[in-house]
C-alpha cells in the first residue's frame, strides 16, 4: 500500500485551507461535511466560498499565507495556483507534523482525499494513491450504484444497540455471532423497507434471548483458480468473507488471499517439489480439528480442488468425521492458462479431445500412460512438468509424437508476469535452459499451440 487508509475525526477541530478558488471550495465542502471548523487563508474568495463565509459556515482571513497560520491546525490543505507557495506550505506543515494535502501534487502530501461513498455512518473511501483520480471516481460511481442508502440507516440502528450488546456478550466472538445472526435475518430487509422501528424491536427480542448457540463448524473447499483474482467465483468470494481460519497453498496468489476476511487466521500448508511444508494427512487432521472447534474453515487451493489438487482426499476425511462441507469449483490451470495464452484446448481443425496429466518425476522417471498421451488430434496438457521437461519431451517423441510437434510452456499463467514459451518437442528443453523459468508452469502439447501466434491477447509483448 502506498497510503495507510485511515479515517480522521476532525469534528470541531481547526482545519486550514490555503486558497480561495474553486478547487479550495471542493475541499472545504468535504471538511465541513466531516464537522471540521474551516479557516480559509486567501486575499479573496470566489463565489462558493464567499457564500459560505456570508453564511457564517467558514472563517476567512483575508491575508497572504504566513507560517503562523498553521498553529494549532488539525490538518492543512494547500489549494492555490502558486506551485512555489504550495510547496512551502507542504514543507512547513511536515516540519510541524501536521497532516497536509496539496491538491494534485501527491508527492507533497502526507494524506490524500479519496473518492467517497457517503452512507453515514457508513463511509466507503476509494483511492488510487493519486495515480488516477478519474479512475477512483469511476469506481466510486460503481459503488454508489451497488450500496443502497439503507446501509447507513442499518449501521445507525446497530450503533444504538452496541453498548447493550457489549454488556450482554462479554466476548468478541459472541458479539460477532450475534450480529451475524441479526444481519443474516430479516432485520436488514426491514430497514431497507423503512420499517426501522420494527427492526429495532426484533433486535431487542433477539438480545433478550441471550447468547447465540455455539457455531456449527464447516469446511469450504474453494478453488482459487490459476492466479488472476478476477477469475474467482462470487460464491468463493462470499464464503472467503465468512472464514474464521484459512488454510492455503503456495499456488494461491497473494491478491486472492487479501480477499479473505481481514481478521481470519491464515495458515500456510503449501507444498513444493521435494518439500512438503505440511503433509497431506496433517492437513486433513487440521481441517477436522478446526471445524470441531465451531469455526468456518476455508481450504483455499490453486486451480480447481478436484483436478490434481487432492481435494477428494480432504473431503473423504471430512465425510468420515461427520464434518459439514461445501465445495466451490475453480477455473483449473489448464483452462485459465491456455485461454490467457490464446491457445484453445480443442479446435475443429486440430484437436477433438484434450487429456490432462501430471508430470511429477518419480525416482528419476515419469510413470505415465504414454500410448494414451500420443493419440492423433489430441491436445495434451501437462501439470507440474517443469522439473521433468526434458524427460517428458524425449519420451513423447519415443512413443510416437513427431519431434516437430508444437509445444508451449506457460509460466505464471493469467498473472501480469505471464510468459509463454513456444517451441517443438525437440527444441523446447534447450530453449528453456536459456531462460529463467520458475514454477508454476503448464505444458500444452499439440497443433493448437500454433494458434498462439494469432490468438494471443494477454500481455503479448512478453511472449517468446
Protein backbone atom coordinates (compact mmCIF):
# COMPACT_ATOMS: atom_id res chain seq x y z
CA UNK A 1 0.00 0.00 0.00
CA UNK A 2 1.24 3.46 -0.87
CA UNK A 3 -1.02 5.05 1.78
CA UNK A 4 -2.46 3.70 5.01
CA UNK A 5 -6.26 4.01 4.83
CA UNK A 6 -7.46 5.90 7.90
CA UNK A 7 -10.50 7.95 8.92
CA UNK A 8 -9.78 11.18 10.84
CA UNK A 9 -12.09 12.67 13.45
CA UNK A 10 -11.95 16.44 12.70
CA UNK A 11 -15.22 17.41 14.40
CA UNK A 12 -14.87 20.89 15.95
CA UNK A 13 -11.18 20.95 15.05
CA UNK A 14 -9.43 23.76 13.16
CA UNK A 15 -8.78 22.87 9.52
CA UNK A 16 -6.75 25.37 7.50
CA UNK A 17 -7.23 25.78 3.75
CA UNK A 18 -4.78 27.95 1.80
CA UNK A 19 -6.50 29.33 -1.31
CA UNK A 20 -9.85 30.86 -2.15
CA UNK A 21 -10.76 29.41 -5.53
CA UNK A 22 -12.94 26.65 -6.92
CA UNK A 23 -10.52 23.82 -6.07
CA UNK A 24 -10.27 25.03 -2.47
CA UNK A 25 -14.07 25.17 -2.30
CA UNK A 26 -14.35 21.44 -3.10
CA UNK A 27 -12.02 20.54 -0.24
CA UNK A 28 -13.78 22.94 2.13
CA UNK A 29 -17.07 21.20 1.37
CA UNK A 30 -15.64 17.83 2.42
CA UNK A 31 -14.17 19.25 5.61
CA UNK A 32 -17.46 20.84 6.57
CA UNK A 33 -19.38 17.60 5.95
CA UNK A 34 -16.98 15.90 8.37
CA UNK A 35 -17.63 18.52 11.04
CA UNK A 36 -14.41 20.47 10.76
CA UNK A 37 -14.10 24.15 11.71
CA UNK A 38 -12.66 25.55 8.49
CA UNK A 39 -10.45 28.60 8.26
CA UNK A 40 -9.60 29.84 4.74
CA UNK A 41 -6.45 31.88 4.16
CA UNK A 42 -6.68 33.89 0.91
CA UNK A 43 -6.59 37.51 -0.26
CA UNK A 44 -10.00 36.99 -1.91
CA UNK A 45 -12.76 34.38 -2.12
CA UNK A 46 -14.54 33.07 -5.20
CA UNK A 47 -18.32 32.74 -5.32
CA UNK A 48 -18.95 29.47 -3.45
CA UNK A 49 -16.52 30.22 -0.64
CA UNK A 50 -17.82 33.77 -0.39
CA UNK A 51 -21.32 32.38 0.09
CA UNK A 52 -20.12 30.01 2.84
CA UNK A 53 -18.38 32.92 4.56
CA UNK A 54 -21.51 35.05 4.36
CA UNK A 55 -23.50 32.20 5.94
CA UNK A 56 -21.00 32.02 8.79
CA UNK A 57 -20.01 28.45 7.93
CA UNK A 58 -16.30 29.21 7.46
CA UNK A 59 -13.86 31.72 8.89
CA UNK A 60 -11.99 33.87 6.35
CA UNK A 61 -8.65 35.51 6.99
CA UNK A 62 -8.13 38.00 4.16
CA UNK A 63 -4.37 37.67 4.25
CA UNK A 64 -1.44 36.24 2.38
CA UNK A 65 -0.18 32.96 3.77
CA UNK A 66 2.16 33.05 6.74
CA UNK A 67 3.62 30.02 8.58
CA UNK A 68 1.94 31.30 11.75
CA UNK A 69 -1.40 30.34 10.20
CA UNK A 70 -0.52 26.67 10.80
CA UNK A 71 -0.52 26.98 14.57
CA UNK A 72 -2.92 24.51 16.23
CA UNK A 73 -4.18 23.21 12.87
CA UNK A 74 -5.56 19.66 12.80
CA UNK A 75 -4.76 19.48 9.09
CA UNK A 76 -3.79 21.76 6.22
CA UNK A 77 -4.86 21.90 2.58
CA UNK A 78 -2.86 23.90 0.03
CA UNK A 79 -5.09 24.71 -2.94
CA UNK A 80 -3.59 27.77 -4.62
CA UNK A 81 -2.41 28.17 -8.24
CA UNK A 82 1.07 29.08 -6.96
CA UNK A 83 3.25 25.95 -7.09
CA UNK A 84 6.06 27.53 -5.08
CA UNK A 85 3.64 28.60 -2.33
CA UNK A 86 2.04 25.17 -2.21
CA UNK A 87 5.50 23.63 -1.81
CA UNK A 88 6.33 25.95 1.09
CA UNK A 89 3.04 25.11 2.84
CA UNK A 90 3.79 21.40 2.47
CA UNK A 91 7.33 21.68 3.82
CA UNK A 92 6.30 23.81 6.80
CA UNK A 93 3.36 21.59 7.70
CA UNK A 94 5.57 18.49 7.53
CA UNK A 95 8.09 20.17 9.81
CA UNK A 96 5.32 20.69 12.37
CA UNK A 97 3.99 17.12 11.85
CA UNK A 98 0.65 18.50 10.65
CA UNK A 99 -1.16 16.36 8.05
CA UNK A 100 -1.04 18.23 4.75
CA UNK A 101 -2.69 17.83 1.36
CA UNK A 102 -1.51 19.70 -1.72
CA UNK A 103 -4.13 19.45 -4.44
CA UNK A 104 -2.99 17.44 -7.48
CA UNK A 105 0.54 17.01 -6.05
CA UNK A 106 0.64 13.60 -4.34
CA UNK A 107 4.38 13.87 -3.78
CA UNK A 108 3.82 16.87 -1.50
CA UNK A 109 1.02 15.22 0.51
CA UNK A 110 1.08 13.31 3.76
CA UNK A 111 -2.60 12.48 3.23
CA UNK A 112 -4.89 12.48 0.23
CA UNK A 113 -8.63 12.89 -0.25
CA UNK A 114 -10.21 9.69 -1.58
CA UNK A 115 -13.35 9.39 -3.63
CA UNK A 116 -16.13 8.89 -1.08
CA UNK A 117 -19.35 6.94 -0.97
CA UNK A 118 -21.27 8.53 1.91
CA UNK A 119 -23.87 6.36 3.59
CA UNK A 120 -23.30 7.89 7.00
CA UNK A 121 -22.36 6.45 9.35
CA UNK A 122 -21.11 4.02 6.70
CA UNK A 123 -18.34 5.63 4.66
CA UNK A 124 -16.53 3.92 1.78
CA UNK A 125 -13.33 5.53 0.51
CA UNK A 126 -11.63 4.70 -2.79
CA UNK A 127 -8.13 5.86 -3.66
CA UNK A 128 -5.59 5.23 -6.41
CA UNK A 129 -2.83 6.89 -4.41
CA UNK A 130 -3.10 9.97 -6.59
CA UNK A 131 -2.23 7.99 -9.73
CA UNK A 132 -5.65 8.35 -11.37
CA UNK A 133 -8.37 10.40 -9.67
CA UNK A 134 -10.63 9.78 -12.68
CA UNK A 135 -10.43 6.01 -12.12
CA UNK A 136 -11.17 6.49 -8.42
CA UNK A 137 -14.29 8.50 -9.34
CA UNK A 138 -15.42 5.75 -11.74
CA UNK A 139 -15.02 3.13 -9.02
CA UNK A 140 -16.94 5.34 -6.62
CA UNK A 141 -19.78 5.66 -9.13
CA UNK A 142 -19.93 1.86 -9.39
CA UNK A 143 -20.06 1.51 -5.60
CA UNK A 144 -22.74 4.21 -5.38
CA UNK A 145 -24.92 2.01 -7.57
CA UNK A 146 -24.44 -1.21 -5.60
CA UNK A 147 -24.52 0.09 -1.99
CA UNK A 148 -28.09 1.05 -1.04
CA UNK A 149 -28.64 4.15 1.07
CA UNK A 150 -30.33 1.88 3.60
CA UNK A 151 -26.96 0.64 4.81
CA UNK A 152 -26.43 3.95 6.57
CA UNK A 153 -29.72 3.58 8.44
CA UNK A 154 -28.86 -0.02 9.25
CA UNK A 155 -25.47 0.96 10.69
CA UNK A 156 -27.06 3.74 12.76
CA UNK A 157 -29.63 1.28 14.14
CA UNK A 158 -26.92 -1.22 15.08
CA UNK A 159 -24.86 1.54 16.68
CA UNK A 160 -27.75 2.26 19.02
CA UNK A 161 -27.54 -1.30 20.35
CA UNK A 162 -23.77 -1.50 20.56
CA UNK A 163 -23.39 -0.82 24.29
CA UNK A 164 -26.25 -3.17 25.20
CA UNK A 165 -24.74 -5.96 23.09
CA UNK A 166 -21.34 -5.41 24.68
CA UNK A 167 -22.88 -5.71 28.15
CA UNK A 168 -24.85 -8.83 27.21
CA UNK A 169 -22.00 -10.65 25.45
CA UNK A 170 -18.58 -10.15 27.05
CA UNK A 171 -16.54 -11.98 24.39
CA UNK A 172 -15.85 -10.60 20.94
CA UNK A 173 -16.69 -13.96 19.39
CA UNK A 174 -20.15 -13.95 21.00
CA UNK A 175 -20.80 -10.41 19.77
CA UNK A 176 -19.73 -11.27 16.26
CA UNK A 177 -22.03 -14.30 16.17
CA UNK A 178 -24.91 -12.20 17.48
CA UNK A 179 -24.50 -9.52 14.81
CA UNK A 180 -24.05 -12.12 12.07
CA UNK A 181 -27.34 -13.70 13.15
CA UNK A 182 -29.03 -10.29 13.09
CA UNK A 183 -27.68 -9.30 9.68
CA UNK A 184 -28.45 -12.65 8.07
CA UNK A 185 -32.04 -12.49 9.29
CA UNK A 186 -34.97 -10.19 8.35
CA UNK A 187 -33.62 -7.08 10.11
CA UNK A 188 -31.71 -5.84 7.06
CA UNK A 189 -34.69 -6.03 4.73
CA UNK A 190 -36.90 -4.35 7.33
CA UNK A 191 -34.55 -1.35 7.45
CA UNK A 192 -34.34 -1.16 3.65
CA UNK A 193 -38.15 -1.15 3.55
CA UNK A 194 -38.32 1.74 6.02
CA UNK A 195 -39.58 -0.42 8.94
CA UNK A 196 -36.81 0.64 11.30
CA UNK A 197 -38.98 0.63 14.44
CA UNK A 198 -39.99 -2.97 13.73
CA UNK A 199 -36.35 -3.88 13.06
CA UNK A 200 -35.28 -2.33 16.37
CA UNK A 201 -37.91 -4.37 18.18
CA UNK A 202 -36.64 -7.57 16.59
CA UNK A 203 -33.04 -6.81 17.59
CA UNK A 204 -34.23 -6.16 21.13
CA UNK A 205 -36.03 -9.51 21.28
CA UNK A 206 -33.00 -11.34 19.95
CA UNK A 207 -30.86 -9.59 22.53
CA UNK A 208 -33.15 -10.76 25.35
CA UNK A 209 -32.88 -14.35 24.11
CA UNK A 210 -29.28 -14.39 25.28
CA UNK A 211 -26.10 -15.70 23.72
CA UNK A 212 -26.45 -17.34 20.33
CA UNK A 213 -25.89 -21.06 20.20
CA UNK A 214 -22.35 -22.22 19.62
CA UNK A 215 -21.45 -22.02 15.94
CA UNK A 216 -21.62 -25.08 13.70
CA UNK A 217 -18.21 -25.77 12.24
CA UNK A 218 -17.99 -26.21 8.48
CA UNK A 219 -15.30 -26.52 5.83
CA UNK A 220 -15.38 -24.71 2.49
CA UNK A 221 -13.12 -26.31 -0.11
CA UNK A 222 -12.54 -23.48 -2.57
CA UNK A 223 -10.77 -23.48 -5.90
CA UNK A 224 -8.85 -20.20 -6.15
CA UNK A 225 -8.28 -20.52 -9.89
CA UNK A 226 -4.98 -20.12 -11.76
CA UNK A 227 -3.99 -16.78 -10.22
CA UNK A 228 -5.95 -13.82 -11.58
CA UNK A 229 -8.25 -12.66 -8.72
CA UNK A 230 -10.91 -11.64 -11.25
CA UNK A 231 -11.45 -15.32 -12.06
CA UNK A 232 -12.81 -16.13 -8.58
CA UNK A 233 -16.48 -17.04 -8.44
CA UNK A 234 -18.96 -14.92 -6.49
CA UNK A 235 -19.63 -17.90 -4.23
CA UNK A 236 -15.94 -18.34 -3.48
CA UNK A 237 -15.59 -14.69 -2.52
CA UNK A 238 -18.70 -14.78 -0.32
CA UNK A 239 -17.51 -17.84 1.62
CA UNK A 240 -13.99 -16.43 1.94
CA UNK A 241 -15.55 -13.45 3.72
CA UNK A 242 -17.12 -15.83 6.28
CA UNK A 243 -13.85 -17.59 7.14
CA UNK A 244 -12.54 -17.86 10.68
CA UNK A 245 -9.41 -19.69 9.52
CA UNK A 246 -7.89 -20.23 6.08
CA UNK A 247 -5.53 -23.00 5.02
CA UNK A 248 -3.83 -22.05 1.75
CA UNK A 249 -1.17 -23.46 -0.56
CA UNK A 250 1.67 -21.80 -2.45
CA UNK A 251 -0.29 -21.53 -5.71
CA UNK A 252 -2.79 -19.13 -4.17
CA UNK A 253 -1.89 -15.62 -5.33
CA UNK A 254 -1.37 -13.00 -2.57
CA UNK A 255 -4.04 -10.82 -4.19
CA UNK A 256 -6.57 -13.63 -3.70
CA UNK A 257 -5.52 -14.21 -0.10
CA UNK A 258 -6.09 -10.49 0.53
CA UNK A 259 -9.78 -11.05 -0.27
CA UNK A 260 -10.24 -13.29 2.77
CA UNK A 261 -11.91 -11.73 5.79
CA UNK A 262 -9.33 -9.40 7.29
CA UNK A 263 -9.30 -10.89 10.80
CA UNK A 264 -9.31 -14.55 9.70
CA UNK A 265 -6.38 -16.69 10.81
CA UNK A 266 -4.15 -17.67 7.87
CA UNK A 267 -2.20 -20.94 7.93
CA UNK A 268 0.21 -21.87 5.13
CA UNK A 269 0.16 -25.55 4.20
CA UNK A 270 1.79 -25.30 0.78
CA UNK A 271 3.92 -27.88 -0.93
CA UNK A 272 6.65 -27.72 -3.50
CA UNK A 273 8.77 -30.31 -5.22
CA UNK A 274 10.80 -32.43 -2.76
CA UNK A 275 9.50 -30.39 0.20
CA UNK A 276 6.18 -30.58 2.00
CA UNK A 277 5.53 -27.80 4.50
CA UNK A 278 2.66 -29.86 5.93
CA UNK A 279 1.94 -33.45 4.96
CA UNK A 280 -1.47 -34.19 3.45
CA UNK A 281 -2.52 -36.33 6.42
CA UNK A 282 -1.77 -33.44 8.75
CA UNK A 283 -3.79 -31.03 6.57
CA UNK A 284 -6.74 -33.42 6.76
CA UNK A 285 -6.43 -33.58 10.53
CA UNK A 286 -6.20 -29.79 10.90
CA UNK A 287 -9.35 -29.23 8.83
CA UNK A 288 -11.31 -31.59 11.08
CA UNK A 289 -9.83 -30.16 14.27
CA UNK A 290 -10.68 -26.53 13.49
CA UNK A 291 -14.18 -27.38 12.25
CA UNK A 292 -14.87 -29.22 15.52
CA UNK A 293 -13.99 -26.01 17.33
CA UNK A 294 -17.01 -24.43 15.63
CA UNK A 295 -15.00 -22.46 13.07
CA UNK A 296 -15.79 -21.66 9.47
CA UNK A 297 -12.77 -23.19 7.76
CA UNK A 298 -11.70 -22.29 4.24
CA UNK A 299 -9.35 -24.62 2.40
CA UNK A 300 -8.07 -22.45 -0.43
CA UNK A 301 -6.41 -24.32 -3.28
CA UNK A 302 -4.90 -23.09 -6.53
CA UNK A 303 -6.83 -24.01 -9.67
CA UNK A 304 -9.67 -26.48 -9.11
CA UNK A 305 -9.53 -28.63 -5.97
CA UNK A 306 -10.59 -31.78 -7.81
CA UNK A 307 -8.01 -31.59 -10.62
CA UNK A 308 -4.61 -32.65 -9.26
CA UNK A 309 -5.49 -30.80 -6.05
CA UNK A 310 -6.09 -33.78 -3.71
CA UNK A 311 -9.40 -32.21 -2.77
CA UNK A 312 -11.09 -35.60 -2.89
CA UNK A 313 -8.82 -36.90 -0.12
CA UNK A 314 -9.62 -33.94 2.10
CA UNK A 315 -13.35 -34.28 1.56
CA UNK A 316 -13.21 -38.01 2.28
CA UNK A 317 -11.65 -37.33 5.68
CA UNK A 318 -14.30 -34.69 6.47
CA UNK A 319 -17.08 -37.06 5.46
CA UNK A 320 -15.74 -39.85 7.67
CA UNK A 321 -15.67 -37.46 10.64
CA UNK A 322 -19.16 -36.09 10.00
CA UNK A 323 -17.94 -32.54 9.30
CA UNK A 324 -20.26 -30.46 7.07
CA UNK A 325 -18.56 -29.13 3.96
CA UNK A 326 -19.14 -27.25 0.74
CA UNK A 327 -17.12 -27.44 -2.47
CA UNK A 328 -16.60 -24.44 -4.73
CA UNK A 329 -15.01 -25.32 -8.08
CA UNK A 330 -12.36 -23.06 -9.54
CA UNK A 331 -11.04 -22.45 -13.03
CA UNK A 332 -8.36 -25.08 -13.46
CA UNK A 333 -4.89 -24.05 -14.65
CA UNK A 334 -5.36 -25.86 -17.96
CA UNK A 335 -8.33 -23.72 -18.91
CA UNK A 336 -7.08 -20.46 -17.42
CA UNK A 337 -3.51 -20.62 -18.72
CA UNK A 338 -4.49 -21.86 -22.17
CA UNK A 339 -7.12 -19.14 -22.53
CA UNK A 340 -4.78 -16.36 -21.42
CA UNK A 341 -2.11 -17.71 -23.80
CA UNK A 342 -4.54 -17.70 -26.73
CA UNK A 343 -4.35 -21.48 -27.15
CA UNK A 344 -7.75 -23.21 -27.49
CA UNK A 345 -7.56 -26.68 -25.96
CA UNK A 346 -9.89 -28.06 -28.63
CA UNK A 347 -10.39 -26.89 -32.20
CA UNK A 348 -12.38 -28.41 -35.03
CA UNK A 349 -9.37 -28.45 -37.36
CA UNK A 350 -6.69 -29.60 -34.92
CA UNK A 351 -7.93 -31.35 -31.77
CA UNK A 352 -11.16 -33.10 -30.86
CA UNK A 353 -10.06 -34.21 -27.38
CA UNK A 354 -7.89 -32.99 -24.52
CA UNK A 355 -6.02 -35.02 -21.89
CA UNK A 356 -4.82 -33.68 -18.52
CA UNK A 357 -1.83 -35.41 -16.88
CA UNK A 358 0.61 -34.56 -14.11
CA UNK A 359 4.32 -34.63 -14.91
CA UNK A 360 5.74 -35.34 -11.44
CA UNK A 361 9.07 -37.13 -11.52
CA UNK A 362 9.25 -40.36 -9.50
CA UNK A 363 12.67 -41.89 -8.85
CA UNK A 364 14.12 -40.02 -11.81
CA UNK A 365 11.40 -41.02 -14.26
CA UNK A 366 7.81 -40.25 -15.18
CA UNK A 367 5.29 -43.11 -14.88
CA UNK A 368 2.62 -42.21 -17.43
CA UNK A 369 0.37 -43.96 -19.93
CA UNK A 370 2.35 -42.88 -22.98
CA UNK A 371 0.10 -44.63 -25.50
CA UNK A 372 -2.93 -42.60 -24.42
CA UNK A 373 -0.85 -39.42 -24.49
CA UNK A 374 0.25 -39.69 -28.13
CA UNK A 375 -3.16 -40.03 -29.79
CA UNK A 376 -3.79 -38.05 -33.01
CA UNK A 377 -5.83 -34.81 -32.95
CA UNK A 378 -5.49 -34.56 -29.19
CA UNK A 379 -4.24 -31.72 -27.00
CA UNK A 380 -2.06 -32.82 -24.12
CA UNK A 381 -1.88 -30.64 -21.01
CA UNK A 382 0.86 -31.47 -18.50
CA UNK A 383 0.68 -30.05 -14.99
CA UNK A 384 3.84 -29.69 -12.87
CA UNK A 385 6.12 -30.75 -15.71
CA UNK A 386 8.95 -28.22 -15.44
CA UNK A 387 11.34 -30.45 -13.47
CA UNK A 388 10.84 -33.38 -15.86
CA UNK A 389 10.61 -31.29 -19.03
CA UNK A 390 13.49 -32.95 -20.86
CA UNK A 391 12.28 -36.46 -19.96
CA UNK A 392 8.71 -35.66 -20.98
CA UNK A 393 9.69 -34.30 -24.38
CA UNK A 394 12.05 -37.22 -25.08
CA UNK A 395 9.52 -39.87 -24.08
CA UNK A 396 6.69 -38.31 -26.07
CA UNK A 397 8.88 -38.45 -29.18
CA UNK A 398 9.99 -42.00 -28.37
CA UNK A 399 6.37 -43.15 -28.03
CA UNK A 400 5.16 -41.75 -31.33
CA UNK A 401 4.75 -37.97 -31.43
CA UNK A 402 6.66 -36.15 -34.16
CA UNK A 403 9.69 -34.24 -32.94
CA UNK A 404 8.35 -31.06 -34.56
CA UNK A 405 5.05 -31.24 -32.61
CA UNK A 406 4.29 -27.72 -31.29
CA UNK A 407 4.53 -27.24 -27.53
CA UNK A 408 4.03 -24.24 -25.24
CA UNK A 409 5.28 -23.69 -21.71
CA UNK A 410 3.16 -21.15 -19.84
CA UNK A 411 4.77 -19.58 -16.79
CA UNK A 412 2.64 -17.76 -14.17
CA UNK A 413 -0.43 -18.11 -16.36
CA UNK A 414 -3.18 -15.45 -16.06
CA UNK A 415 -0.89 -13.24 -13.96
CA UNK A 416 0.67 -9.91 -15.02
CA UNK A 417 4.08 -11.61 -15.38
CA UNK A 418 2.77 -14.41 -17.57
CA UNK A 419 5.28 -15.68 -20.11
CA UNK A 420 4.58 -18.09 -22.97
CA UNK A 421 7.49 -20.00 -24.47
CA UNK A 422 6.67 -21.81 -27.73
CA UNK A 423 8.86 -24.38 -29.47
CA UNK A 424 8.72 -28.02 -30.57
CA UNK A 425 9.20 -31.18 -28.56
CA UNK A 426 12.73 -31.39 -29.95
CA UNK A 427 13.73 -27.78 -29.23
CA UNK A 428 11.86 -26.82 -26.04
CA UNK A 429 14.31 -28.31 -23.47
CA UNK A 430 17.26 -26.43 -24.93
CA UNK A 431 15.28 -23.21 -25.30
CA UNK A 432 14.14 -23.31 -21.68
CA UNK A 433 17.74 -23.71 -20.46
CA UNK A 434 18.48 -20.18 -21.60
CA UNK A 435 15.53 -18.70 -19.71
CA UNK A 436 15.00 -18.10 -16.01
CA UNK A 437 11.72 -20.00 -15.66
CA UNK A 438 10.15 -21.00 -12.35
CA UNK A 439 7.00 -22.84 -11.27
CA UNK A 440 4.08 -22.63 -11.59
CA UNK A 441 4.21 -23.66 -15.23
CA UNK A 442 1.93 -25.61 -17.56
CA UNK A 443 2.85 -27.50 -20.74
CA UNK A 444 0.48 -27.63 -23.70
CA UNK A 445 1.34 -30.08 -26.49
CA UNK A 446 -0.43 -30.27 -29.85
CA UNK A 447 -1.20 -28.50 -33.10
CA UNK A 448 -3.43 -25.97 -31.27
CA UNK A 449 -0.26 -24.33 -29.95
CA UNK A 450 0.30 -22.86 -33.44
CA UNK A 451 -2.79 -20.68 -32.87
CA UNK A 452 -0.96 -18.78 -30.12
CA UNK A 453 0.71 -16.57 -32.73
CA UNK A 454 -2.61 -15.14 -33.90
CA UNK A 455 -4.88 -15.57 -30.86
CA UNK A 456 -2.61 -14.35 -28.05
CA UNK A 457 -4.33 -11.42 -26.37
CA UNK A 458 -2.94 -11.20 -22.84
CA UNK A 459 0.41 -9.41 -22.44
CA UNK A 460 1.55 -10.45 -25.95
CA UNK A 461 4.70 -8.33 -25.67
CA UNK A 462 6.06 -10.80 -23.10
CA UNK A 463 5.56 -13.86 -25.29
CA UNK A 464 8.70 -15.66 -26.50
